Amino acid sequence: MATYLVTGANRGIGYEYCRQLQLRGDVVIAVCRSASEELKQLGVQVQEGIDITSDASVADLVTRLGDTRIDVLINNAGIIKRVTLEELDFDSIREQFEVNALGTLRVTHALLPNLYAGSKIVLMTSRMGSIGDNTSGSSYGYRMSKVALSMAGKSLSHDLKSRGIAVAILHPGLVQTRMTNFTASGITPEDSVKGLLQRIDELTLENTGTFWHANGEVLPW
């Protein structure tokens, strides 16, 4: 039995992480701004009122956790907003950077004292943050912020290897969630998280810093 902390846990992939982890008997700390009724009914530990873009809010989370040891930190919180070249919205781009890249790094840095040799860190990025795989353009804020997040993950994998902490950079696939308007061409959150948990379970110091699809495919940077 391991202790997992999941950010952005109130719905979608974050909720599904919590559900599947709880079912397999792990301890789950679900972090979110506002807990959904579904999340509250899971029977996991819920830490709500946490905004990962706020230093003070993340510091509050650290205080609440105290010396709780975290085996796996899953940085799942993220947002996507439509930004095209014709309709550039720099405030939106900044917001996506604040949540997707800086927020994740803020949480990870703040919780380092709760991690130990053998812990794992997961960054939920996106194939849309792959420069090599970009064949359609647009989505400036989301793509740029996810590139930044993946770079942070790669740096963390180097900086934390000597501490015995491995880092995975994961793409969930195209998933039927609110973020994708429940696209009919996507896979279910259940199927996505099954694959993601397999990647996390297989994460070691030997493969730390790898950019994976949930299905196990190594993705181009």
N, C-alpha and C. Protein backbone atom coordinates (compact mmCIF):
# COMPACT_ATOMS: atom_id res chain seq x y z
N MET A 1 0.85 -1.20 0.00
CA MET A 1 0.00 0.00 0.00
C MET A 1 0.88 1.24 0.00
N ALA A 2 0.65 2.12 -0.97
CA ALA A 2 1.44 3.33 -1.11
C ALA A 2 0.54 4.55 -0.96
N THR A 3 1.15 5.71 -0.69
CA THR A 3 0.41 6.96 -0.56
C THR A 3 0.61 7.80 -1.82
N TYR A 4 -0.50 8.11 -2.47
CA TYR A 4 -0.49 8.92 -3.70
C TYR A 4 -1.15 10.26 -3.41
N LEU A 5 -0.54 11.34 -3.88
CA LEU A 5 -1.17 12.65 -3.83
C LEU A 5 -1.49 13.05 -5.27
N VAL A 6 -2.75 13.40 -5.52
CA VAL A 6 -3.22 13.73 -6.87
C VAL A 6 -3.77 15.14 -6.87
N THR A 7 -3.23 16.02 -7.71
CA THR A 7 -3.80 17.36 -7.85
C THR A 7 -4.84 17.35 -8.97
N GLY A 8 -5.72 18.35 -8.96
CA GLY A 8 -6.80 18.40 -9.95
C GLY A 8 -7.68 17.18 -9.85
N ALA A 9 -8.00 16.80 -8.61
CA ALA A 9 -8.64 15.50 -8.35
C ALA A 9 -10.15 15.51 -8.41
N ASN A 10 -10.77 16.65 -8.64
CA ASN A 10 -12.22 16.73 -8.48
C ASN A 10 -13.02 16.12 -9.63
N ARG A 11 -12.39 15.96 -10.80
CA ARG A 11 -13.14 15.40 -11.93
C ARG A 11 -12.16 14.84 -12.97
N GLY A 12 -12.73 14.24 -14.01
CA GLY A 12 -11.94 13.79 -15.14
C GLY A 12 -10.87 12.78 -14.77
N ILE A 13 -9.69 12.96 -15.35
CA ILE A 13 -8.59 12.03 -15.14
C ILE A 13 -8.15 12.03 -13.67
N GLY A 14 -8.14 13.19 -13.04
CA GLY A 14 -7.74 13.26 -11.64
C GLY A 14 -8.65 12.44 -10.74
N TYR A 15 -9.94 12.58 -10.95
CA TYR A 15 -10.91 11.78 -10.19
C TYR A 15 -10.71 10.29 -10.45
N GLU A 16 -10.49 9.95 -11.72
CA GLU A 16 -10.34 8.53 -12.08
C GLU A 16 -9.06 7.94 -11.46
N TYR A 17 -8.00 8.73 -11.41
CA TYR A 17 -6.81 8.30 -10.68
C TYR A 17 -7.18 7.93 -9.24
N CYS A 18 -7.89 8.82 -8.58
CA CYS A 18 -8.27 8.60 -7.18
C CYS A 18 -9.14 7.35 -7.04
N ARG A 19 -10.07 7.18 -7.94
CA ARG A 19 -10.99 6.04 -7.87
C ARG A 19 -10.24 4.72 -8.02
N GLN A 20 -9.39 4.65 -9.04
CA GLN A 20 -8.68 3.39 -9.29
C GLN A 20 -7.65 3.10 -8.20
N LEU A 21 -6.98 4.12 -7.72
CA LEU A 21 -5.99 3.91 -6.66
C LEU A 21 -6.66 3.45 -5.37
N GLN A 22 -7.82 4.07 -5.07
CA GLN A 22 -8.54 3.67 -3.86
C GLN A 22 -9.03 2.24 -3.97
N LEU A 23 -9.47 1.84 -5.16
CA LEU A 23 -9.96 0.48 -5.37
C LEU A 23 -8.86 -0.56 -5.18
N ARG A 24 -7.65 -0.21 -5.53
CA ARG A 24 -6.57 -1.18 -5.39
C ARG A 24 -5.90 -1.13 -4.02
N GLY A 25 -6.45 -0.29 -3.13
CA GLY A 25 -6.02 -0.31 -1.75
C GLY A 25 -4.96 0.67 -1.36
N ASP A 26 -4.65 1.61 -2.25
CA ASP A 26 -3.65 2.62 -1.91
C ASP A 26 -4.28 3.78 -1.12
N VAL A 27 -3.45 4.51 -0.42
CA VAL A 27 -3.89 5.71 0.30
C VAL A 27 -3.87 6.87 -0.69
N VAL A 28 -4.97 7.62 -0.76
CA VAL A 28 -5.09 8.70 -1.73
C VAL A 28 -5.34 10.03 -1.02
N ILE A 29 -4.53 11.02 -1.38
CA ILE A 29 -4.75 12.40 -0.94
C ILE A 29 -5.17 13.18 -2.17
N ALA A 30 -6.44 13.57 -2.23
CA ALA A 30 -7.01 14.23 -3.39
C ALA A 30 -7.00 15.74 -3.17
N VAL A 31 -6.26 16.44 -4.00
CA VAL A 31 -6.09 17.89 -3.85
C VAL A 31 -6.85 18.61 -4.96
N CYS A 32 -7.61 19.63 -4.59
CA CYS A 32 -8.40 20.36 -5.58
C CYS A 32 -8.81 21.71 -5.02
N ARG A 33 -9.33 22.55 -5.90
CA ARG A 33 -9.87 23.84 -5.44
C ARG A 33 -11.23 23.64 -4.79
N SER A 34 -12.07 22.82 -5.42
CA SER A 34 -13.41 22.57 -4.88
C SER A 34 -13.77 21.12 -5.18
N ALA A 35 -14.08 20.36 -4.15
CA ALA A 35 -14.33 18.93 -4.31
C ALA A 35 -15.72 18.68 -4.89
N SER A 36 -15.78 17.79 -5.87
CA SER A 36 -17.06 17.37 -6.42
C SER A 36 -17.72 16.37 -5.47
N GLU A 37 -19.02 16.18 -5.63
CA GLU A 37 -19.72 15.20 -4.80
C GLU A 37 -19.18 13.79 -5.04
N GLU A 38 -18.85 13.52 -6.30
CA GLU A 38 -18.26 12.21 -6.63
C GLU A 38 -16.99 11.97 -5.83
N LEU A 39 -16.15 12.96 -5.77
CA LEU A 39 -14.88 12.81 -5.05
C LEU A 39 -15.12 12.63 -3.56
N LYS A 40 -16.03 13.40 -3.02
CA LYS A 40 -16.32 13.31 -1.59
C LYS A 40 -16.81 11.92 -1.20
N GLN A 41 -17.50 11.27 -2.12
CA GLN A 41 -18.09 9.97 -1.83
C GLN A 41 -17.10 8.80 -2.00
N LEU A 42 -15.91 9.09 -2.50
CA LEU A 42 -14.94 8.02 -2.73
C LEU A 42 -14.37 7.44 -1.43
N GLY A 43 -14.33 8.27 -0.40
CA GLY A 43 -13.75 7.80 0.85
C GLY A 43 -12.25 8.00 0.93
N VAL A 44 -11.72 8.90 0.06
CA VAL A 44 -10.29 9.23 0.12
C VAL A 44 -10.12 10.51 0.93
N GLN A 45 -8.88 10.82 1.28
CA GLN A 45 -8.59 12.07 2.00
C GLN A 45 -8.66 13.22 1.00
N VAL A 46 -9.53 14.19 1.24
CA VAL A 46 -9.69 15.32 0.32
C VAL A 46 -9.12 16.59 0.95
N GLN A 47 -8.24 17.23 0.21
CA GLN A 47 -7.69 18.53 0.61
C GLN A 47 -8.17 19.55 -0.42
N GLU A 48 -9.27 20.25 -0.08
CA GLU A 48 -9.79 21.21 -1.04
C GLU A 48 -9.43 22.64 -0.65
N GLY A 49 -9.74 23.57 -1.54
CA GLY A 49 -9.39 24.96 -1.32
C GLY A 49 -7.95 25.27 -1.68
N ILE A 50 -7.34 24.39 -2.49
CA ILE A 50 -5.93 24.57 -2.86
C ILE A 50 -5.83 25.07 -4.29
N ASP A 51 -5.22 26.23 -4.47
CA ASP A 51 -4.99 26.83 -5.78
C ASP A 51 -3.50 26.72 -6.07
N ILE A 52 -3.12 25.93 -7.06
CA ILE A 52 -1.70 25.68 -7.31
C ILE A 52 -0.98 26.88 -7.92
N THR A 53 -1.71 27.93 -8.28
CA THR A 53 -1.06 29.15 -8.79
C THR A 53 -0.71 30.11 -7.66
N SER A 54 -1.05 29.75 -6.42
CA SER A 54 -0.84 30.64 -5.27
C SER A 54 0.21 30.07 -4.32
N ASP A 55 1.24 30.84 -4.05
CA ASP A 55 2.26 30.42 -3.09
C ASP A 55 1.65 30.16 -1.73
N ALA A 56 0.76 31.05 -1.30
CA ALA A 56 0.16 30.92 0.03
C ALA A 56 -0.73 29.68 0.12
N SER A 57 -1.46 29.39 -0.95
CA SER A 57 -2.34 28.23 -0.94
C SER A 57 -1.54 26.93 -0.91
N VAL A 58 -0.48 26.86 -1.69
CA VAL A 58 0.36 25.66 -1.69
C VAL A 58 1.07 25.52 -0.35
N ALA A 59 1.48 26.63 0.25
CA ALA A 59 2.08 26.58 1.58
C ALA A 59 1.08 26.04 2.61
N ASP A 60 -0.18 26.38 2.43
CA ASP A 60 -1.24 25.86 3.31
C ASP A 60 -1.35 24.34 3.17
N LEU A 61 -1.25 23.86 1.94
CA LEU A 61 -1.28 22.41 1.71
C LEU A 61 -0.11 21.73 2.43
N VAL A 62 1.06 22.32 2.33
CA VAL A 62 2.24 21.77 3.00
C VAL A 62 2.02 21.69 4.50
N THR A 63 1.42 22.73 5.07
CA THR A 63 1.13 22.74 6.50
C THR A 63 0.14 21.65 6.87
N ARG A 64 -0.89 21.48 6.07
CA ARG A 64 -1.90 20.45 6.34
C ARG A 64 -1.28 19.05 6.31
N LEU A 65 -0.36 18.83 5.39
CA LEU A 65 0.22 17.50 5.23
C LEU A 65 1.24 17.18 6.31
N GLY A 66 1.87 18.21 6.85
CA GLY A 66 2.88 17.97 7.88
C GLY A 66 3.99 17.08 7.36
N ASP A 67 4.32 16.02 8.10
CA ASP A 67 5.41 15.14 7.69
C ASP A 67 4.91 13.88 6.97
N THR A 68 3.71 13.96 6.39
CA THR A 68 3.17 12.82 5.63
C THR A 68 4.13 12.44 4.51
N ARG A 69 4.49 11.17 4.45
CA ARG A 69 5.36 10.70 3.39
C ARG A 69 4.54 10.39 2.14
N ILE A 70 5.00 10.90 1.00
CA ILE A 70 4.31 10.71 -0.27
C ILE A 70 5.14 9.77 -1.13
N ASP A 71 4.52 8.67 -1.53
CA ASP A 71 5.21 7.72 -2.40
C ASP A 71 5.16 8.16 -3.86
N VAL A 72 4.00 8.66 -4.28
CA VAL A 72 3.84 9.11 -5.66
C VAL A 72 3.06 10.42 -5.69
N LEU A 73 3.68 11.44 -6.29
CA LEU A 73 3.05 12.74 -6.46
C LEU A 73 2.60 12.84 -7.91
N ILE A 74 1.28 12.91 -8.13
CA ILE A 74 0.73 13.00 -9.47
C ILE A 74 0.23 14.43 -9.71
N ASN A 75 0.99 15.17 -10.49
CA ASN A 75 0.63 16.54 -10.84
C ASN A 75 -0.31 16.51 -12.04
N ASN A 76 -1.59 16.48 -11.75
CA ASN A 76 -2.61 16.33 -12.78
C ASN A 76 -3.34 17.63 -13.11
N ALA A 77 -3.36 18.58 -12.21
CA ALA A 77 -4.13 19.82 -12.42
C ALA A 77 -3.66 20.54 -13.68
N GLY A 78 -4.62 20.97 -14.48
CA GLY A 78 -4.28 21.70 -15.70
C GLY A 78 -5.51 22.29 -16.34
N ILE A 79 -5.29 23.23 -17.26
CA ILE A 79 -6.40 23.85 -17.99
C ILE A 79 -6.04 23.94 -19.47
N ILE A 80 -7.05 24.04 -20.30
CA ILE A 80 -6.86 24.29 -21.73
C ILE A 80 -7.85 25.36 -22.16
N LYS A 81 -7.34 26.34 -22.92
CA LYS A 81 -8.20 27.38 -23.47
C LYS A 81 -7.80 27.62 -24.93
N ARG A 82 -8.79 27.87 -25.74
CA ARG A 82 -8.55 28.02 -27.17
C ARG A 82 -7.88 29.36 -27.46
N VAL A 83 -6.69 29.30 -28.05
CA VAL A 83 -5.98 30.51 -28.47
C VAL A 83 -5.42 30.28 -29.87
N THR A 84 -5.97 31.00 -30.85
CA THR A 84 -5.51 30.87 -32.23
C THR A 84 -4.65 32.08 -32.60
N LEU A 85 -3.97 31.98 -33.74
CA LEU A 85 -3.15 33.10 -34.20
C LEU A 85 -4.02 34.31 -34.51
N GLU A 86 -5.22 34.05 -35.01
CA GLU A 86 -6.13 35.15 -35.36
C GLU A 86 -6.74 35.79 -34.12
N GLU A 87 -6.82 35.04 -33.02
CA GLU A 87 -7.43 35.54 -31.79
C GLU A 87 -6.47 35.34 -30.61
N LEU A 88 -5.28 35.92 -30.72
CA LEU A 88 -4.30 35.79 -29.66
C LEU A 88 -4.79 36.49 -28.40
N ASP A 89 -4.75 35.78 -27.30
CA ASP A 89 -5.17 36.30 -26.01
C ASP A 89 -4.03 36.04 -25.03
N PHE A 90 -3.21 37.06 -24.81
CA PHE A 90 -2.01 36.86 -24.00
C PHE A 90 -2.33 36.61 -22.53
N ASP A 91 -3.45 37.13 -22.06
CA ASP A 91 -3.85 36.84 -20.69
C ASP A 91 -4.17 35.35 -20.54
N SER A 92 -4.82 34.79 -21.54
CA SER A 92 -5.14 33.37 -21.51
C SER A 92 -3.86 32.53 -21.58
N ILE A 93 -2.93 32.95 -22.42
CA ILE A 93 -1.66 32.21 -22.52
C ILE A 93 -0.94 32.24 -21.18
N ARG A 94 -0.89 33.41 -20.54
CA ARG A 94 -0.24 33.51 -19.22
C ARG A 94 -0.92 32.62 -18.19
N GLU A 95 -2.26 32.61 -18.21
CA GLU A 95 -2.99 31.79 -17.25
C GLU A 95 -2.65 30.31 -17.43
N GLN A 96 -2.55 29.86 -18.68
CA GLN A 96 -2.22 28.46 -18.92
C GLN A 96 -0.80 28.14 -18.48
N PHE A 97 0.12 29.07 -18.66
CA PHE A 97 1.47 28.88 -18.13
C PHE A 97 1.44 28.80 -16.60
N GLU A 98 0.67 29.67 -15.98
CA GLU A 98 0.62 29.70 -14.51
C GLU A 98 0.11 28.38 -13.94
N VAL A 99 -0.92 27.81 -14.56
CA VAL A 99 -1.48 26.56 -14.05
C VAL A 99 -0.68 25.36 -14.51
N ASN A 100 -0.50 25.23 -15.81
CA ASN A 100 0.05 24.00 -16.37
C ASN A 100 1.54 23.81 -16.08
N ALA A 101 2.30 24.88 -16.12
CA ALA A 101 3.75 24.76 -15.94
C ALA A 101 4.20 25.23 -14.56
N LEU A 102 3.96 26.49 -14.25
CA LEU A 102 4.45 27.04 -12.98
C LEU A 102 3.74 26.43 -11.78
N GLY A 103 2.44 26.19 -11.89
CA GLY A 103 1.71 25.60 -10.78
C GLY A 103 2.23 24.22 -10.43
N THR A 104 2.49 23.42 -11.45
CA THR A 104 3.02 22.08 -11.21
C THR A 104 4.39 22.14 -10.57
N LEU A 105 5.25 23.02 -11.06
CA LEU A 105 6.59 23.15 -10.48
C LEU A 105 6.51 23.66 -9.04
N ARG A 106 5.57 24.57 -8.78
CA ARG A 106 5.40 25.11 -7.43
C ARG A 106 5.03 23.99 -6.44
N VAL A 107 4.06 23.17 -6.82
CA VAL A 107 3.63 22.07 -5.96
C VAL A 107 4.76 21.07 -5.73
N THR A 108 5.44 20.71 -6.80
CA THR A 108 6.52 19.74 -6.70
C THR A 108 7.63 20.23 -5.78
N HIS A 109 8.03 21.46 -5.96
CA HIS A 109 9.09 22.03 -5.12
C HIS A 109 8.66 22.08 -3.66
N ALA A 110 7.43 22.49 -3.42
CA ALA A 110 6.94 22.62 -2.05
C ALA A 110 6.85 21.28 -1.33
N LEU A 111 6.58 20.21 -2.08
CA LEU A 111 6.39 18.90 -1.46
C LEU A 111 7.65 18.03 -1.46
N LEU A 112 8.76 18.56 -1.91
CA LEU A 112 10.00 17.77 -1.91
C LEU A 112 10.35 17.23 -0.52
N PRO A 113 10.12 17.99 0.57
CA PRO A 113 10.42 17.43 1.89
C PRO A 113 9.58 16.21 2.25
N ASN A 114 8.46 16.01 1.57
CA ASN A 114 7.59 14.86 1.84
C ASN A 114 7.96 13.64 1.00
N LEU A 115 8.88 13.84 0.06
CA LEU A 115 9.33 12.75 -0.80
C LEU A 115 10.64 12.17 -0.27
N TYR A 116 10.99 11.00 -0.74
CA TYR A 116 12.17 10.31 -0.22
C TYR A 116 12.74 9.42 -1.32
N ALA A 117 13.87 8.81 -1.08
CA ALA A 117 14.45 7.90 -2.06
C ALA A 117 13.46 6.77 -2.31
N GLY A 118 13.06 6.61 -3.55
CA GLY A 118 12.04 5.62 -3.91
C GLY A 118 10.72 6.26 -4.29
N SER A 119 10.53 7.53 -3.96
CA SER A 119 9.31 8.24 -4.38
C SER A 119 9.32 8.46 -5.89
N LYS A 120 8.14 8.75 -6.42
CA LYS A 120 7.99 9.04 -7.83
C LYS A 120 7.19 10.32 -8.03
N ILE A 121 7.54 11.06 -9.08
CA ILE A 121 6.81 12.27 -9.44
C ILE A 121 6.27 12.11 -10.85
N VAL A 122 5.00 12.43 -11.03
CA VAL A 122 4.36 12.33 -12.33
C VAL A 122 3.91 13.72 -12.77
N LEU A 123 4.24 14.07 -14.00
CA LEU A 123 3.76 15.32 -14.61
C LEU A 123 2.84 14.95 -15.75
N MET A 124 1.59 15.37 -15.66
CA MET A 124 0.63 15.10 -16.72
C MET A 124 0.73 16.20 -17.77
N THR A 125 1.43 15.87 -18.85
CA THR A 125 1.60 16.82 -19.93
C THR A 125 0.66 16.43 -21.08
N SER A 126 1.06 16.65 -22.32
CA SER A 126 0.20 16.35 -23.45
C SER A 126 1.03 16.18 -24.71
N ARG A 127 0.54 15.33 -25.59
CA ARG A 127 1.16 15.20 -26.91
C ARG A 127 1.12 16.54 -27.65
N MET A 128 0.16 17.40 -27.29
CA MET A 128 0.10 18.72 -27.91
C MET A 128 1.28 19.59 -27.50
N GLY A 129 2.05 19.14 -26.50
CA GLY A 129 3.26 19.82 -26.12
C GLY A 129 4.50 19.24 -26.79
N SER A 130 4.30 18.35 -27.74
CA SER A 130 5.42 17.78 -28.50
C SER A 130 5.70 18.65 -29.71
N ILE A 131 6.91 19.17 -29.82
CA ILE A 131 7.28 19.97 -30.98
C ILE A 131 7.36 19.08 -32.22
N GLY A 132 7.95 17.88 -32.05
CA GLY A 132 8.10 16.98 -33.18
C GLY A 132 6.78 16.46 -33.71
N ASP A 133 5.75 16.44 -32.88
CA ASP A 133 4.46 15.87 -33.27
C ASP A 133 3.44 16.95 -33.67
N ASN A 134 3.86 18.20 -33.66
CA ASN A 134 2.92 19.29 -33.97
C ASN A 134 2.73 19.39 -35.48
N THR A 135 1.59 18.92 -35.95
CA THR A 135 1.28 18.96 -37.38
C THR A 135 0.10 19.86 -37.71
N SER A 136 -0.43 20.56 -36.69
CA SER A 136 -1.64 21.35 -36.94
C SER A 136 -1.56 22.79 -36.43
N GLY A 137 -0.55 23.12 -35.63
CA GLY A 137 -0.42 24.49 -35.15
C GLY A 137 -1.49 24.90 -34.16
N SER A 138 -1.67 26.22 -33.99
CA SER A 138 -2.68 26.83 -33.13
C SER A 138 -2.52 26.39 -31.66
N SER A 139 -3.54 26.61 -30.85
CA SER A 139 -3.55 26.24 -29.43
C SER A 139 -2.29 26.76 -28.72
N TYR A 140 -1.99 28.03 -28.92
CA TYR A 140 -0.71 28.58 -28.47
C TYR A 140 -0.49 28.47 -26.97
N GLY A 141 -1.45 28.85 -26.18
CA GLY A 141 -1.25 28.81 -24.74
C GLY A 141 -1.06 27.40 -24.22
N TYR A 142 -1.88 26.48 -24.68
CA TYR A 142 -1.82 25.10 -24.20
C TYR A 142 -0.54 24.42 -24.67
N ARG A 143 -0.25 24.51 -25.96
CA ARG A 143 0.95 23.88 -26.48
C ARG A 143 2.21 24.42 -25.79
N MET A 144 2.33 25.74 -25.71
CA MET A 144 3.53 26.35 -25.14
C MET A 144 3.69 26.00 -23.66
N SER A 145 2.59 26.01 -22.92
CA SER A 145 2.68 25.70 -21.49
C SER A 145 3.04 24.24 -21.26
N LYS A 146 2.58 23.35 -22.14
CA LYS A 146 2.89 21.93 -21.97
C LYS A 146 4.34 21.63 -22.39
N VAL A 147 4.87 22.36 -23.36
CA VAL A 147 6.30 22.24 -23.66
C VAL A 147 7.12 22.63 -22.43
N ALA A 148 6.74 23.74 -21.81
CA ALA A 148 7.44 24.21 -20.61
C ALA A 148 7.34 23.19 -19.49
N LEU A 149 6.17 22.59 -19.33
CA LEU A 149 5.98 21.57 -18.30
C LEU A 149 6.87 20.35 -18.55
N SER A 150 6.93 19.91 -19.79
CA SER A 150 7.76 18.76 -20.11
C SER A 150 9.24 19.06 -19.87
N MET A 151 9.67 20.27 -20.18
CA MET A 151 11.05 20.65 -19.90
C MET A 151 11.33 20.66 -18.40
N ALA A 152 10.37 21.14 -17.63
CA ALA A 152 10.53 21.10 -16.17
C ALA A 152 10.68 19.67 -15.69
N GLY A 153 9.87 18.77 -16.26
CA GLY A 153 9.95 17.37 -15.88
C GLY A 153 11.29 16.76 -16.20
N LYS A 154 11.84 17.10 -17.37
CA LYS A 154 13.15 16.57 -17.76
C LYS A 154 14.23 17.08 -16.82
N SER A 155 14.18 18.36 -16.47
CA SER A 155 15.16 18.91 -15.53
C SER A 155 15.03 18.26 -14.15
N LEU A 156 13.79 18.09 -13.70
CA LEU A 156 13.56 17.43 -12.41
C LEU A 156 14.13 16.02 -12.40
N SER A 157 14.01 15.32 -13.53
CA SER A 157 14.51 13.94 -13.58
C SER A 157 16.02 13.89 -13.37
N HIS A 158 16.72 14.91 -13.84
CA HIS A 158 18.17 14.99 -13.63
C HIS A 158 18.49 15.44 -12.20
N ASP A 159 17.81 16.48 -11.75
CA ASP A 159 18.11 17.06 -10.45
C ASP A 159 17.78 16.13 -9.29
N LEU A 160 16.78 15.27 -9.48
CA LEU A 160 16.32 14.42 -8.38
C LEU A 160 16.83 12.98 -8.45
N LYS A 161 17.53 12.65 -9.51
CA LYS A 161 18.01 11.27 -9.64
C LYS A 161 18.95 10.88 -8.50
N SER A 162 19.81 11.81 -8.11
CA SER A 162 20.75 11.51 -7.02
C SER A 162 20.03 11.33 -5.68
N ARG A 163 18.81 11.82 -5.58
CA ARG A 163 18.02 11.65 -4.36
C ARG A 163 17.19 10.36 -4.41
N GLY A 164 17.27 9.65 -5.54
CA GLY A 164 16.51 8.41 -5.68
C GLY A 164 15.06 8.62 -6.04
N ILE A 165 14.73 9.78 -6.61
CA ILE A 165 13.35 10.10 -6.99
C ILE A 165 13.23 10.10 -8.51
N ALA A 166 12.33 9.28 -9.04
CA ALA A 166 12.13 9.15 -10.48
C ALA A 166 10.97 10.02 -10.95
N VAL A 167 11.05 10.47 -12.20
CA VAL A 167 10.05 11.39 -12.76
C VAL A 167 9.51 10.84 -14.08
N ALA A 168 8.19 10.82 -14.22
CA ALA A 168 7.54 10.42 -15.47
C ALA A 168 6.80 11.62 -16.06
N ILE A 169 6.90 11.76 -17.37
CA ILE A 169 6.22 12.82 -18.11
C ILE A 169 5.20 12.12 -19.00
N LEU A 170 3.92 12.27 -18.67
CA LEU A 170 2.90 11.40 -19.26
C LEU A 170 1.83 12.14 -20.05
N HIS A 171 1.48 11.55 -21.19
CA HIS A 171 0.35 12.00 -22.01
C HIS A 171 -0.78 10.99 -21.84
N PRO A 172 -1.97 11.43 -21.47
CA PRO A 172 -3.05 10.48 -21.17
C PRO A 172 -3.76 9.91 -22.38
N GLY A 173 -3.44 10.43 -23.57
CA GLY A 173 -4.22 10.10 -24.75
C GLY A 173 -5.35 11.10 -24.92
N LEU A 174 -6.11 10.96 -25.96
CA LEU A 174 -7.30 11.80 -26.15
C LEU A 174 -8.42 11.17 -25.33
N VAL A 175 -8.84 11.88 -24.29
CA VAL A 175 -9.73 11.28 -23.29
C VAL A 175 -11.07 12.02 -23.27
N GLN A 176 -12.13 11.27 -23.05
CA GLN A 176 -13.47 11.83 -23.00
C GLN A 176 -13.71 12.50 -21.65
N THR A 177 -13.28 13.77 -21.53
CA THR A 177 -13.48 14.54 -20.31
C THR A 177 -14.06 15.91 -20.68
N ARG A 178 -14.39 16.66 -19.66
CA ARG A 178 -14.92 18.01 -19.90
C ARG A 178 -13.92 18.87 -20.66
N MET A 179 -12.62 18.64 -20.41
CA MET A 179 -11.57 19.42 -21.06
C MET A 179 -11.60 19.24 -22.58
N THR A 180 -12.02 18.06 -23.05
CA THR A 180 -12.08 17.78 -24.49
C THR A 180 -13.51 17.80 -25.01
N ASN A 181 -14.42 18.35 -24.21
CA ASN A 181 -15.85 18.36 -24.57
C ASN A 181 -16.37 16.95 -24.81
N PHE A 182 -15.83 16.01 -24.05
CA PHE A 182 -16.27 14.60 -24.10
C PHE A 182 -16.27 14.07 -25.54
N THR A 183 -15.18 14.34 -26.23
CA THR A 183 -15.06 13.95 -27.63
C THR A 183 -15.36 12.47 -27.85
N ALA A 184 -16.16 12.19 -28.88
CA ALA A 184 -16.55 10.81 -29.18
C ALA A 184 -15.38 9.99 -29.69
N SER A 185 -14.33 10.65 -30.19
CA SER A 185 -13.18 9.93 -30.72
C SER A 185 -12.15 9.58 -29.65
N GLY A 186 -12.43 9.96 -28.41
CA GLY A 186 -11.47 9.72 -27.33
C GLY A 186 -11.73 8.41 -26.60
N ILE A 187 -10.79 8.06 -25.72
CA ILE A 187 -10.95 6.89 -24.87
C ILE A 187 -11.55 7.34 -23.54
N THR A 188 -12.02 6.39 -22.76
CA THR A 188 -12.62 6.73 -21.48
C THR A 188 -11.54 7.06 -20.46
N PRO A 189 -11.87 7.86 -19.44
CA PRO A 189 -10.91 8.09 -18.37
C PRO A 189 -10.43 6.80 -17.72
N GLU A 190 -11.32 5.83 -17.61
CA GLU A 190 -10.95 4.55 -17.00
C GLU A 190 -9.83 3.87 -17.78
N ASP A 191 -9.97 3.81 -19.11
CA ASP A 191 -8.95 3.18 -19.93
C ASP A 191 -7.65 3.97 -19.89
N SER A 192 -7.75 5.29 -19.93
CA SER A 192 -6.56 6.13 -19.88
C SER A 192 -5.77 5.90 -18.59
N VAL A 193 -6.46 5.95 -17.47
CA VAL A 193 -5.78 5.83 -16.18
C VAL A 193 -5.20 4.43 -15.97
N LYS A 194 -5.85 3.42 -16.51
CA LYS A 194 -5.27 2.07 -16.43
C LYS A 194 -3.87 2.07 -17.05
N GLY A 195 -3.75 2.69 -18.23
CA GLY A 195 -2.46 2.77 -18.89
C GLY A 195 -1.48 3.65 -18.13
N LEU A 196 -1.96 4.77 -17.64
CA LEU A 196 -1.10 5.69 -16.90
C LEU A 196 -0.53 5.04 -15.64
N LEU A 197 -1.37 4.31 -14.92
CA LEU A 197 -0.89 3.64 -13.71
C LEU A 197 0.14 2.56 -14.04
N GLN A 198 -0.01 1.94 -15.18
CA GLN A 198 0.99 0.95 -15.59
C GLN A 198 2.33 1.64 -15.84
N ARG A 199 2.30 2.80 -16.49
CA ARG A 199 3.53 3.55 -16.73
C ARG A 199 4.18 3.96 -15.39
N ILE A 200 3.35 4.39 -14.45
CA ILE A 200 3.86 4.82 -13.14
C ILE A 200 4.45 3.63 -12.39
N ASP A 201 3.76 2.51 -12.43
CA ASP A 201 4.25 1.32 -11.73
C ASP A 201 5.60 0.87 -12.30
N GLU A 202 5.81 1.09 -13.61
CA GLU A 202 7.04 0.66 -14.27
C GLU A 202 8.15 1.71 -14.22
N LEU A 203 7.86 2.87 -13.65
CA LEU A 203 8.84 3.95 -13.57
C LEU A 203 9.98 3.60 -12.61
N THR A 204 11.21 3.78 -13.08
CA THR A 204 12.40 3.54 -12.27
C THR A 204 13.41 4.66 -12.50
N LEU A 205 14.51 4.61 -11.79
CA LEU A 205 15.58 5.58 -12.01
C LEU A 205 16.26 5.35 -13.36
N GLU A 206 16.10 4.16 -13.91
CA GLU A 206 16.70 3.87 -15.21
C GLU A 206 15.91 4.52 -16.35
N ASN A 207 14.61 4.65 -16.22
CA ASN A 207 13.83 5.26 -17.30
C ASN A 207 13.25 6.61 -16.91
N THR A 208 13.75 7.19 -15.83
CA THR A 208 13.28 8.51 -15.38
C THR A 208 13.46 9.55 -16.48
N GLY A 209 12.51 10.49 -16.54
CA GLY A 209 12.59 11.57 -17.52
C GLY A 209 12.06 11.22 -18.88
N THR A 210 11.40 10.07 -19.02
CA THR A 210 10.84 9.65 -20.31
C THR A 210 9.47 10.27 -20.54
N PHE A 211 9.19 10.63 -21.79
CA PHE A 211 7.91 11.21 -22.20
C PHE A 211 7.09 10.09 -22.83
N TRP A 212 6.10 9.59 -22.08
CA TRP A 212 5.31 8.45 -22.51
C TRP A 212 3.87 8.80 -22.84
N HIS A 213 3.32 8.09 -23.79
CA HIS A 213 1.88 7.99 -23.99
C HIS A 213 1.37 6.99 -22.96
N ALA A 214 0.13 7.11 -22.56
CA ALA A 214 -0.46 6.16 -21.61
C ALA A 214 -0.36 4.72 -22.11
N ASN A 215 -0.33 4.53 -23.43
CA ASN A 215 -0.27 3.18 -23.98
C ASN A 215 1.14 2.60 -24.01
N GLY A 216 2.11 3.37 -23.52
CA GLY A 216 3.48 2.87 -23.44
C GLY A 216 4.39 3.39 -24.54
N GLU A 217 3.84 4.05 -25.54
CA GLU A 217 4.65 4.60 -26.63
C GLU A 217 5.50 5.75 -26.09
N VAL A 218 6.79 5.77 -26.47
CA VAL A 218 7.66 6.89 -26.13
C VAL A 218 7.43 7.97 -27.17
N LEU A 219 7.10 9.18 -26.73
CA LEU A 219 6.71 10.26 -27.63
C LEU A 219 7.90 11.18 -27.97
N PRO A 220 7.88 11.80 -29.12
CA PRO A 220 8.95 12.74 -29.49
C PRO A 220 8.82 14.05 -28.73
N TRP A 221 9.95 14.66 -28.46
CA TRP A 221 9.92 15.97 -27.80
C TRP A 221 9.48 17.06 -28.78
